[in-house]
Each structure stands twice: as C-alpha cells, then as structure tokens.
Amino acid sequence: YATATLYPPMITDVKNMPAQLGKTAILRCEAMAVPTASFEWYRDDRRPVESDNTLRIKNEKTRSLLLFTNVTDKHFGNYTCFASNRLGASNASMLLFRPGAVYGRGVAVNVGVSAGVGFWLCLSVSLLMKV
C-alpha cells in the first residue's frame, strides 16, 4: 500500500495566445499538484477575472481554461493564473495578444514581456497619431 506523495502546485504549461476580434480564444493553465490545485485568474492590474457573457472560467482537475467567446479590445492583455493547494502556490503570466499588432514582417518572435510592451506602445502611439 503506497501513500501518495504530496506536493504544492507546479505550473507546467503556459502559452501566449493570439486572438482575433470577434472570434473565440482560450488561455490554458496546467498545474500538477497533490492534493489537486484550485485556480484563480487575474488581469494586468491584479483584478480577479470574473465570468461574464464574453468570458468563462472552466476549471478541470489539473488545469484551468479561460474561454473567450467573443474577443473584444478590452480582452487583450496580460493574465496571471494562480494555482494553490494547502502546501503552497504557484503562478504564471501569459498574454492574449492581437496578431500583427506586436511585431513587424518576417520576424520570428518569442512572445513575452517585450511583446506586451510593444503592443501597448503601438497602441499608445497610434492613439497619439489620431489626435
């Protein structure tokens, strides 16, 4: 009779995701933990993400999904997944971004913090140009 080894959550799968306006998108957070982790999602400004008619949180045994049913401008940005059990917690951030808004032609980009900064920079510059 073997007893299970208990351990705090380790987030194993995090990917930045491109999203098209008006389409569906999914952010995934996978975490290994015993006992199983409970999940929470936060936005850039640390506000908890709550389900509404365009966004749903689906928690499964080892992962949590953020399901966007109709992507709008307000959805783009950085999301943090927080996985915890009684032994500890782990978190990871990922970006929901608009393809083409972040980088120029023919550049293979490893999307990370720099892409997020680039996206917001492009956004602010284009807003300034409209004035």
N, C-alpha and C. Protein backbone atom coordinates (compact mmCIF):
# COMPACT_ATOMS: atom_id res chain seq x y z
N TYR A 1 0.85 -1.19 0.00
CA TYR A 1 0.00 0.00 0.00
C TYR A 1 0.89 1.23 0.00
N ALA A 2 0.90 1.96 -1.10
CA ALA A 2 1.76 3.15 -1.21
C ALA A 2 0.93 4.41 -0.95
N THR A 3 1.50 5.31 -0.20
CA THR A 3 0.79 6.59 0.01
C THR A 3 1.28 7.58 -1.04
N ALA A 4 0.38 8.43 -1.48
CA ALA A 4 0.75 9.42 -2.49
C ALA A 4 1.68 10.47 -1.88
N THR A 5 2.63 10.90 -2.68
CA THR A 5 3.50 11.99 -2.26
C THR A 5 2.74 13.29 -2.45
N LEU A 6 2.70 14.10 -1.41
CA LEU A 6 2.00 15.39 -1.50
C LEU A 6 2.98 16.46 -1.96
N TYR A 7 2.53 17.34 -2.84
CA TYR A 7 3.41 18.45 -3.25
C TYR A 7 2.59 19.66 -3.69
N PRO A 8 3.19 20.85 -3.55
CA PRO A 8 2.49 22.09 -3.95
C PRO A 8 2.38 22.17 -5.47
N PRO A 9 1.52 23.04 -5.98
CA PRO A 9 1.32 23.14 -7.43
C PRO A 9 2.58 23.57 -8.18
N MET A 10 2.80 22.93 -9.32
CA MET A 10 3.83 23.35 -10.26
C MET A 10 3.13 23.58 -11.59
N ILE A 11 3.16 24.81 -12.07
CA ILE A 11 2.50 25.11 -13.34
C ILE A 11 3.39 24.61 -14.47
N THR A 12 2.81 23.77 -15.34
CA THR A 12 3.62 23.07 -16.33
C THR A 12 3.41 23.56 -17.76
N ASP A 13 2.30 24.23 -18.02
CA ASP A 13 2.02 24.57 -19.41
C ASP A 13 1.44 25.97 -19.50
N VAL A 14 2.20 26.89 -20.08
CA VAL A 14 1.75 28.28 -20.21
C VAL A 14 2.10 28.75 -21.61
N LYS A 15 1.12 29.27 -22.35
CA LYS A 15 1.40 29.78 -23.70
C LYS A 15 0.70 31.11 -23.92
N ASN A 16 1.42 32.04 -24.56
CA ASN A 16 0.78 33.27 -25.02
C ASN A 16 -0.09 32.90 -26.22
N MET A 17 -1.25 33.52 -26.33
CA MET A 17 -2.17 33.15 -27.40
C MET A 17 -2.56 34.35 -28.26
N PRO A 18 -2.49 34.16 -29.61
CA PRO A 18 -3.01 35.20 -30.49
C PRO A 18 -4.53 35.12 -30.50
N ALA A 19 -5.20 36.24 -30.68
CA ALA A 19 -6.67 36.23 -30.71
C ALA A 19 -7.17 37.24 -31.74
N GLN A 20 -8.20 36.86 -32.47
CA GLN A 20 -8.81 37.74 -33.47
C GLN A 20 -10.07 38.36 -32.88
N LEU A 21 -10.29 39.63 -33.17
CA LEU A 21 -11.52 40.30 -32.71
C LEU A 21 -12.74 39.54 -33.20
N GLY A 22 -13.72 39.38 -32.30
CA GLY A 22 -14.97 38.72 -32.67
C GLY A 22 -14.91 37.20 -32.67
N LYS A 23 -13.72 36.64 -32.50
CA LYS A 23 -13.57 35.18 -32.52
C LYS A 23 -13.43 34.63 -31.10
N THR A 24 -13.27 33.31 -31.00
CA THR A 24 -13.07 32.68 -29.69
C THR A 24 -11.57 32.53 -29.42
N ALA A 25 -11.20 32.46 -28.16
CA ALA A 25 -9.80 32.26 -27.78
C ALA A 25 -9.77 31.53 -26.44
N ILE A 26 -8.67 30.84 -26.18
CA ILE A 26 -8.52 30.10 -24.91
C ILE A 26 -7.13 30.35 -24.34
N LEU A 27 -7.09 30.69 -23.05
CA LEU A 27 -5.82 30.68 -22.32
C LEU A 27 -5.87 29.47 -21.39
N ARG A 28 -4.75 28.73 -21.33
CA ARG A 28 -4.71 27.48 -20.57
C ARG A 28 -3.67 27.57 -19.46
N CYS A 29 -4.03 27.01 -18.32
CA CYS A 29 -3.06 26.94 -17.21
C CYS A 29 -3.10 25.53 -16.66
N GLU A 30 -2.00 24.82 -16.80
CA GLU A 30 -1.90 23.42 -16.39
C GLU A 30 -1.02 23.36 -15.14
N ALA A 31 -1.50 22.67 -14.09
CA ALA A 31 -0.68 22.57 -12.87
C ALA A 31 -0.75 21.18 -12.27
N MET A 32 0.40 20.64 -11.96
CA MET A 32 0.48 19.35 -11.27
C MET A 32 0.54 19.63 -9.77
N ALA A 33 -0.31 18.95 -8.99
CA ALA A 33 -0.32 19.16 -7.54
C ALA A 33 -1.05 18.01 -6.86
N VAL A 34 -0.59 17.67 -5.65
CA VAL A 34 -1.31 16.70 -4.82
C VAL A 34 -1.35 17.29 -3.41
N PRO A 35 -2.53 17.57 -2.85
CA PRO A 35 -3.86 17.43 -3.49
C PRO A 35 -4.03 18.42 -4.66
N THR A 36 -5.02 18.16 -5.50
CA THR A 36 -5.19 18.97 -6.71
C THR A 36 -5.32 20.45 -6.37
N ALA A 37 -4.85 21.27 -7.30
CA ALA A 37 -4.82 22.72 -7.09
C ALA A 37 -6.18 23.35 -7.34
N SER A 38 -6.43 24.45 -6.66
CA SER A 38 -7.57 25.28 -7.07
C SER A 38 -6.97 26.48 -7.81
N PHE A 39 -7.72 26.99 -8.79
CA PHE A 39 -7.19 28.00 -9.70
C PHE A 39 -7.91 29.33 -9.56
N GLU A 40 -7.17 30.41 -9.75
CA GLU A 40 -7.75 31.76 -9.86
C GLU A 40 -7.03 32.47 -10.99
N TRP A 41 -7.74 33.38 -11.65
CA TRP A 41 -7.14 34.18 -12.73
C TRP A 41 -7.19 35.66 -12.38
N TYR A 42 -6.13 36.38 -12.77
CA TYR A 42 -6.07 37.83 -12.54
C TYR A 42 -5.67 38.54 -13.83
N ARG A 43 -6.14 39.80 -13.96
CA ARG A 43 -5.77 40.65 -15.10
C ARG A 43 -4.52 41.44 -14.79
N ASP A 44 -4.03 42.22 -15.77
CA ASP A 44 -2.82 43.06 -15.62
C ASP A 44 -2.79 43.79 -14.29
N ASP A 45 -3.91 44.45 -13.98
CA ASP A 45 -3.96 45.31 -12.80
C ASP A 45 -4.35 44.54 -11.54
N ARG A 46 -4.18 43.22 -11.58
CA ARG A 46 -4.43 42.37 -10.41
C ARG A 46 -5.89 42.23 -10.02
N ARG A 47 -6.79 42.63 -10.92
CA ARG A 47 -8.21 42.40 -10.64
C ARG A 47 -8.52 40.93 -10.90
N PRO A 48 -9.31 40.28 -10.04
CA PRO A 48 -9.70 38.90 -10.35
C PRO A 48 -10.55 38.88 -11.62
N VAL A 49 -10.35 37.86 -12.43
CA VAL A 49 -11.15 37.70 -13.64
C VAL A 49 -12.47 37.05 -13.24
N GLU A 50 -13.56 37.63 -13.70
CA GLU A 50 -14.87 37.04 -13.41
C GLU A 50 -15.58 36.69 -14.70
N SER A 51 -16.35 35.62 -14.64
CA SER A 51 -17.08 35.20 -15.83
C SER A 51 -18.15 36.23 -16.18
N ASP A 52 -18.32 36.48 -17.47
CA ASP A 52 -19.44 37.30 -17.94
C ASP A 52 -19.90 36.71 -19.26
N ASN A 53 -20.64 37.46 -20.06
CA ASN A 53 -21.17 36.85 -21.29
C ASN A 53 -20.12 36.67 -22.39
N THR A 54 -18.91 37.22 -22.22
CA THR A 54 -17.88 37.04 -23.24
C THR A 54 -16.71 36.20 -22.74
N LEU A 55 -16.76 35.81 -21.47
CA LEU A 55 -15.60 35.18 -20.83
C LEU A 55 -16.07 34.16 -19.80
N ARG A 56 -15.48 32.95 -19.87
CA ARG A 56 -15.88 31.92 -18.92
C ARG A 56 -14.64 31.21 -18.39
N ILE A 57 -14.65 30.92 -17.10
CA ILE A 57 -13.55 30.16 -16.49
C ILE A 57 -14.02 28.72 -16.34
N LYS A 58 -13.22 27.79 -16.88
CA LYS A 58 -13.58 26.38 -16.76
C LYS A 58 -12.46 25.66 -16.02
N ASN A 59 -12.75 25.23 -14.79
CA ASN A 59 -11.74 24.53 -14.01
C ASN A 59 -11.90 23.03 -14.15
N GLU A 60 -10.81 22.36 -14.50
CA GLU A 60 -10.80 20.91 -14.59
C GLU A 60 -9.83 20.39 -13.53
N LYS A 61 -9.60 19.09 -13.52
CA LYS A 61 -8.79 18.51 -12.43
C LYS A 61 -7.38 19.10 -12.36
N THR A 62 -6.66 19.09 -13.49
CA THR A 62 -5.26 19.54 -13.46
C THR A 62 -5.05 20.84 -14.21
N ARG A 63 -6.13 21.45 -14.69
CA ARG A 63 -5.94 22.70 -15.44
C ARG A 63 -7.15 23.60 -15.35
N SER A 64 -6.91 24.87 -15.70
CA SER A 64 -7.98 25.84 -15.75
C SER A 64 -7.93 26.51 -17.11
N LEU A 65 -9.10 26.73 -17.69
CA LEU A 65 -9.19 27.36 -19.00
C LEU A 65 -9.92 28.68 -18.88
N LEU A 66 -9.41 29.68 -19.58
CA LEU A 66 -10.09 30.96 -19.70
C LEU A 66 -10.65 30.99 -21.11
N LEU A 67 -11.97 30.92 -21.24
CA LEU A 67 -12.61 30.82 -22.56
C LEU A 67 -13.23 32.16 -22.94
N PHE A 68 -12.72 32.73 -24.02
CA PHE A 68 -13.27 33.99 -24.54
C PHE A 68 -14.19 33.64 -25.70
N THR A 69 -15.47 33.99 -25.60
CA THR A 69 -16.41 33.59 -26.66
C THR A 69 -16.49 34.63 -27.77
N ASN A 70 -16.15 35.88 -27.46
CA ASN A 70 -16.23 36.94 -28.46
C ASN A 70 -15.18 37.99 -28.09
N VAL A 71 -13.98 37.83 -28.64
CA VAL A 71 -12.86 38.68 -28.24
C VAL A 71 -13.10 40.14 -28.64
N THR A 72 -12.94 41.05 -27.67
CA THR A 72 -13.03 42.48 -27.93
C THR A 72 -11.71 43.12 -27.48
N ASP A 73 -11.53 44.41 -27.80
CA ASP A 73 -10.30 45.12 -27.41
C ASP A 73 -9.99 45.01 -25.93
N LYS A 74 -11.05 45.01 -25.11
CA LYS A 74 -10.82 45.01 -23.66
C LYS A 74 -10.21 43.69 -23.16
N HIS A 75 -10.27 42.65 -23.98
CA HIS A 75 -9.73 41.35 -23.55
C HIS A 75 -8.22 41.24 -23.71
N PHE A 76 -7.62 42.03 -24.62
CA PHE A 76 -6.19 41.90 -24.85
C PHE A 76 -5.41 42.34 -23.61
N GLY A 77 -4.33 41.63 -23.32
CA GLY A 77 -3.51 42.00 -22.17
C GLY A 77 -2.91 40.79 -21.49
N ASN A 78 -2.41 41.04 -20.30
CA ASN A 78 -1.70 40.03 -19.54
C ASN A 78 -2.62 39.38 -18.51
N TYR A 79 -2.60 38.07 -18.44
CA TYR A 79 -3.40 37.32 -17.48
C TYR A 79 -2.48 36.47 -16.62
N THR A 80 -2.77 36.41 -15.33
CA THR A 80 -1.97 35.59 -14.42
C THR A 80 -2.84 34.48 -13.85
N CYS A 81 -2.34 33.28 -13.95
CA CYS A 81 -3.01 32.11 -13.40
C CYS A 81 -2.35 31.81 -12.05
N PHE A 82 -3.16 31.60 -11.04
CA PHE A 82 -2.69 31.35 -9.68
C PHE A 82 -3.22 29.98 -9.26
N ALA A 83 -2.32 29.03 -9.03
CA ALA A 83 -2.72 27.68 -8.63
C ALA A 83 -2.26 27.44 -7.20
N SER A 84 -3.17 26.95 -6.35
CA SER A 84 -2.77 26.75 -4.96
C SER A 84 -3.42 25.49 -4.36
N ASN A 85 -2.72 24.90 -3.39
CA ASN A 85 -3.31 23.89 -2.52
C ASN A 85 -2.76 24.15 -1.12
N ARG A 86 -3.07 23.29 -0.16
CA ARG A 86 -2.68 23.62 1.22
C ARG A 86 -1.17 23.58 1.44
N LEU A 87 -0.41 23.08 0.47
CA LEU A 87 1.04 23.01 0.63
C LEU A 87 1.78 24.19 0.00
N GLY A 88 1.07 24.98 -0.80
CA GLY A 88 1.75 26.10 -1.43
C GLY A 88 1.01 26.62 -2.64
N ALA A 89 1.69 27.49 -3.39
CA ALA A 89 1.05 28.12 -4.55
C ALA A 89 2.09 28.41 -5.62
N SER A 90 1.60 28.60 -6.83
CA SER A 90 2.46 28.91 -7.95
C SER A 90 1.67 29.80 -8.89
N ASN A 91 2.35 30.70 -9.61
CA ASN A 91 1.60 31.49 -10.58
C ASN A 91 2.42 31.70 -11.84
N ALA A 92 1.71 31.98 -12.93
CA ALA A 92 2.36 32.19 -14.22
C ALA A 92 1.53 33.18 -15.01
N SER A 93 2.22 34.01 -15.80
CA SER A 93 1.52 35.01 -16.59
C SER A 93 1.59 34.69 -18.07
N MET A 94 0.54 35.05 -18.78
CA MET A 94 0.51 34.84 -20.23
C MET A 94 -0.25 35.98 -20.88
N LEU A 95 -0.04 36.12 -22.17
CA LEU A 95 -0.55 37.26 -22.91
C LEU A 95 -1.61 36.82 -23.91
N LEU A 96 -2.73 37.53 -23.93
CA LEU A 96 -3.70 37.38 -25.02
C LEU A 96 -3.42 38.58 -25.93
N PHE A 97 -2.92 38.31 -27.14
CA PHE A 97 -2.48 39.43 -27.98
C PHE A 97 -3.11 39.39 -29.37
N ARG A 98 -3.11 40.53 -30.03
CA ARG A 98 -3.63 40.62 -31.38
C ARG A 98 -2.50 40.39 -32.37
N PRO A 99 -2.62 39.36 -33.23
CA PRO A 99 -1.53 39.09 -34.18
C PRO A 99 -1.31 40.29 -35.08
N GLY A 100 -0.03 40.59 -35.37
CA GLY A 100 0.27 41.68 -36.28
C GLY A 100 0.39 43.02 -35.57
N ALA A 101 -0.20 43.14 -34.40
CA ALA A 101 -0.12 44.42 -33.68
C ALA A 101 1.19 44.51 -32.92
N VAL A 102 1.89 43.36 -32.79
CA VAL A 102 3.04 43.33 -31.90
C VAL A 102 4.36 43.47 -32.63
N TYR A 103 4.48 42.85 -33.80
CA TYR A 103 5.80 42.84 -34.44
C TYR A 103 5.71 43.02 -35.95
N GLY A 104 6.85 43.37 -36.53
CA GLY A 104 6.92 43.64 -37.96
C GLY A 104 7.00 42.37 -38.80
N ARG A 105 7.15 42.56 -40.12
CA ARG A 105 7.17 41.44 -41.06
C ARG A 105 8.40 40.56 -40.88
N GLY A 106 8.19 39.26 -41.09
CA GLY A 106 9.29 38.32 -41.16
C GLY A 106 10.12 38.17 -39.90
N VAL A 107 9.59 38.56 -38.78
CA VAL A 107 10.36 38.42 -37.54
C VAL A 107 9.76 37.28 -36.73
N ALA A 108 10.57 36.30 -36.42
CA ALA A 108 10.11 35.23 -35.54
C ALA A 108 10.27 35.73 -34.11
N VAL A 109 9.19 35.87 -33.42
CA VAL A 109 9.26 36.47 -32.09
C VAL A 109 8.85 35.45 -31.04
N ASN A 110 9.63 35.39 -30.00
CA ASN A 110 9.25 34.64 -28.82
C ASN A 110 8.41 35.60 -27.98
N VAL A 111 7.11 35.46 -28.02
CA VAL A 111 6.27 36.45 -27.37
C VAL A 111 6.46 36.36 -25.86
N GLY A 112 6.74 37.50 -25.26
CA GLY A 112 6.93 37.53 -23.81
C GLY A 112 6.59 38.92 -23.34
N VAL A 113 7.27 39.37 -22.32
CA VAL A 113 7.00 40.69 -21.77
C VAL A 113 7.25 41.76 -22.82
N SER A 114 8.33 41.60 -23.61
CA SER A 114 8.68 42.62 -24.61
C SER A 114 7.55 42.80 -25.62
N ALA A 115 6.90 41.69 -26.00
CA ALA A 115 5.80 41.79 -26.96
C ALA A 115 4.64 42.57 -26.35
N GLY A 116 4.40 42.32 -25.07
CA GLY A 116 3.32 43.05 -24.39
C GLY A 116 3.62 44.53 -24.38
N VAL A 117 4.87 44.88 -24.09
CA VAL A 117 5.26 46.29 -24.08
C VAL A 117 5.13 46.87 -25.47
N GLY A 118 5.59 46.10 -26.48
CA GLY A 118 5.49 46.55 -27.87
C GLY A 118 4.05 46.80 -28.27
N PHE A 119 3.17 45.90 -27.86
CA PHE A 119 1.75 46.04 -28.19
C PHE A 119 1.18 47.32 -27.60
N TRP A 120 1.44 47.55 -26.32
CA TRP A 120 0.89 48.75 -25.67
C TRP A 120 1.52 50.01 -26.24
N LEU A 121 2.81 49.89 -26.62
CA LEU A 121 3.50 51.02 -27.23
C LEU A 121 2.85 51.38 -28.56
N CYS A 122 2.62 50.36 -29.40
CA CYS A 122 1.97 50.58 -30.70
C CYS A 122 0.62 51.23 -30.48
N LEU A 123 -0.08 50.71 -29.49
CA LEU A 123 -1.43 51.20 -29.20
C LEU A 123 -1.38 52.68 -28.81
N SER A 124 -0.47 53.03 -27.89
CA SER A 124 -0.43 54.42 -27.45
C SER A 124 0.05 55.34 -28.57
N VAL A 125 1.00 54.87 -29.37
CA VAL A 125 1.48 55.69 -30.48
C VAL A 125 0.35 55.94 -31.47
N SER A 126 -0.40 54.87 -31.81
CA SER A 126 -1.47 55.05 -32.79
C SER A 126 -2.57 55.95 -32.23
N LEU A 127 -2.79 55.90 -30.93
CA LEU A 127 -3.79 56.78 -30.33
C LEU A 127 -3.32 58.23 -30.41
N LEU A 128 -2.01 58.44 -30.17
CA LEU A 128 -1.46 59.79 -30.22
C LEU A 128 -1.54 60.35 -31.64
N MET A 129 -1.30 59.49 -32.64
CA MET A 129 -1.30 59.93 -34.02
C MET A 129 -2.68 60.40 -34.48
N LYS A 130 -3.74 59.84 -33.86
CA LYS A 130 -5.11 60.15 -34.27
C LYS A 130 -5.52 61.56 -33.84
N VAL A 131 -4.83 62.09 -32.82
CA VAL A 131 -5.21 63.40 -32.28
C VAL A 131 -4.95 64.50 -33.31
